[in-house]
Protein backbone atom coordinates (compact mmCIF):
# COMPACT_ATOMS: atom_id res chain seq x y z
CA MET A 1 7.60 -14.99 3.28
CA ARG A 2 6.71 -15.03 -0.42
CA LEU A 3 9.44 -14.55 -3.03
CA PRO A 4 7.79 -11.44 -4.60
CA ASP A 5 7.84 -9.77 -1.15
CA ILE A 6 11.54 -10.56 -0.80
CA LEU A 7 12.40 -9.18 -4.24
CA CYS A 8 10.33 -5.99 -4.04
CA THR A 9 11.64 -2.54 -3.21
CA GLN A 10 10.09 -0.85 -0.19
CA PHE A 11 9.54 2.82 0.56
CA GLU A 12 8.10 4.51 3.66
CA ARG A 13 5.50 7.23 3.26
CA THR A 14 3.20 9.21 5.55
CA VAL A 15 -0.51 9.17 4.72
CA GLY A 16 -1.92 12.61 3.95
CA ASN A 17 -5.03 14.30 5.35
CA ASP A 18 -7.04 12.91 2.41
CA ASN A 19 -6.18 9.28 3.35
CA CYS A 20 -3.92 9.06 0.28
CA VAL A 21 -0.25 8.31 -0.24
CA SER A 22 1.83 10.04 -2.91
CA PHE A 23 4.30 7.79 -4.68
CA GLU A 24 6.31 8.62 -7.82
CA GLY A 25 3.70 11.02 -9.20
CA HIS A 26 0.74 8.78 -8.37
CA THR A 27 -1.88 9.21 -5.66
CA LEU A 28 -2.75 5.93 -3.94
CA GLN A 29 -6.13 6.17 -2.20
CA ILE A 30 -6.41 3.86 0.79
CA PRO A 31 -9.81 2.11 0.62
CA ALA A 32 -12.22 2.12 3.55
CA SER A 33 -11.95 -0.79 5.97
CA ASN A 34 -13.51 -2.21 9.09
CA ALA A 35 -10.06 -2.52 10.66
CA ARG A 36 -9.50 1.24 10.96
CA SER A 37 -11.53 4.34 10.12
CA HIS A 38 -8.59 6.19 8.51
CA TYR A 39 -4.80 6.19 8.22
CA VAL A 40 -4.19 9.97 8.26
CA LYS A 41 -0.62 10.79 9.41
CA THR A 42 0.21 7.08 9.71
CA ARG A 43 3.52 5.70 8.39
CA VAL A 44 2.95 3.04 5.73
CA ARG A 45 5.19 1.06 3.37
CA VAL A 46 4.83 1.06 -0.38
CA HIS A 47 6.07 -2.18 -1.98
CA ARG A 48 7.00 -2.00 -5.66
CA TYR A 49 7.10 -5.49 -7.14
CA VAL A 50 9.19 -6.73 -10.08
CA ASP A 51 6.10 -6.64 -12.36
CA GLY A 52 5.54 -2.95 -11.52
CA THR A 53 2.49 -3.40 -9.30
CA LEU A 54 2.35 -1.59 -5.98
CA ALA A 55 0.99 -2.52 -2.56
CA LEU A 56 0.44 -0.53 0.63
CA PHE A 57 1.23 -2.05 4.02
CA HIS A 58 0.60 -0.89 7.56
CA GLY A 59 2.78 -3.17 9.68
CA PRO A 60 2.11 -6.72 8.47
CA ARG A 61 -1.31 -5.79 7.08
CA ARG A 62 -1.64 -5.32 3.33
CA LEU A 63 -4.10 -2.51 2.75
CA ALA A 64 -4.41 -2.55 -1.04
CA VAL A 65 -2.77 -3.49 -4.34
CA TYR A 66 -2.43 -1.10 -7.30
CA GLU A 67 -1.54 -1.26 -10.99
CA THR A 68 1.65 0.49 -12.13
CA GLN A 69 -0.35 3.67 -12.82
CA GLY A 70 -1.82 3.70 -9.30
CA LYS A 71 -5.29 2.26 -10.08
CA LEU A 72 -6.66 0.08 -7.27
CA ILE A 73 -6.65 -3.63 -8.18
CA GLU A 74 -7.85 -5.21 -4.99
CA GLN A 75 -8.38 -4.52 -1.35
CA GLU A 76 -7.19 -6.91 1.30
CA PHE A 77 -7.11 -6.92 5.05
CA LYS A 78 -4.98 -9.98 5.76
CA GLN A 79 -1.69 -10.37 7.53
CA ALA A 80 1.25 -10.83 5.21
CA ALA A 81 2.77 -14.28 5.40
């Protein structure tokens, strides 16, 4: 496991009907993927890292990474190490 993942704070959220997660006043849109058509009503984890960036996880899979204001930085479909 990577040190940033150990030091981050984690929060559980349920994905809304619009395939978005609300977190601290921000709306985090989950990008489209080949792995799954949508995540509506799915429980996901929001990781808030020490630098303020955010990431969404479904199980071990990282779905996306966001800036502190909720803007999508990158989209990944890898298993977390």
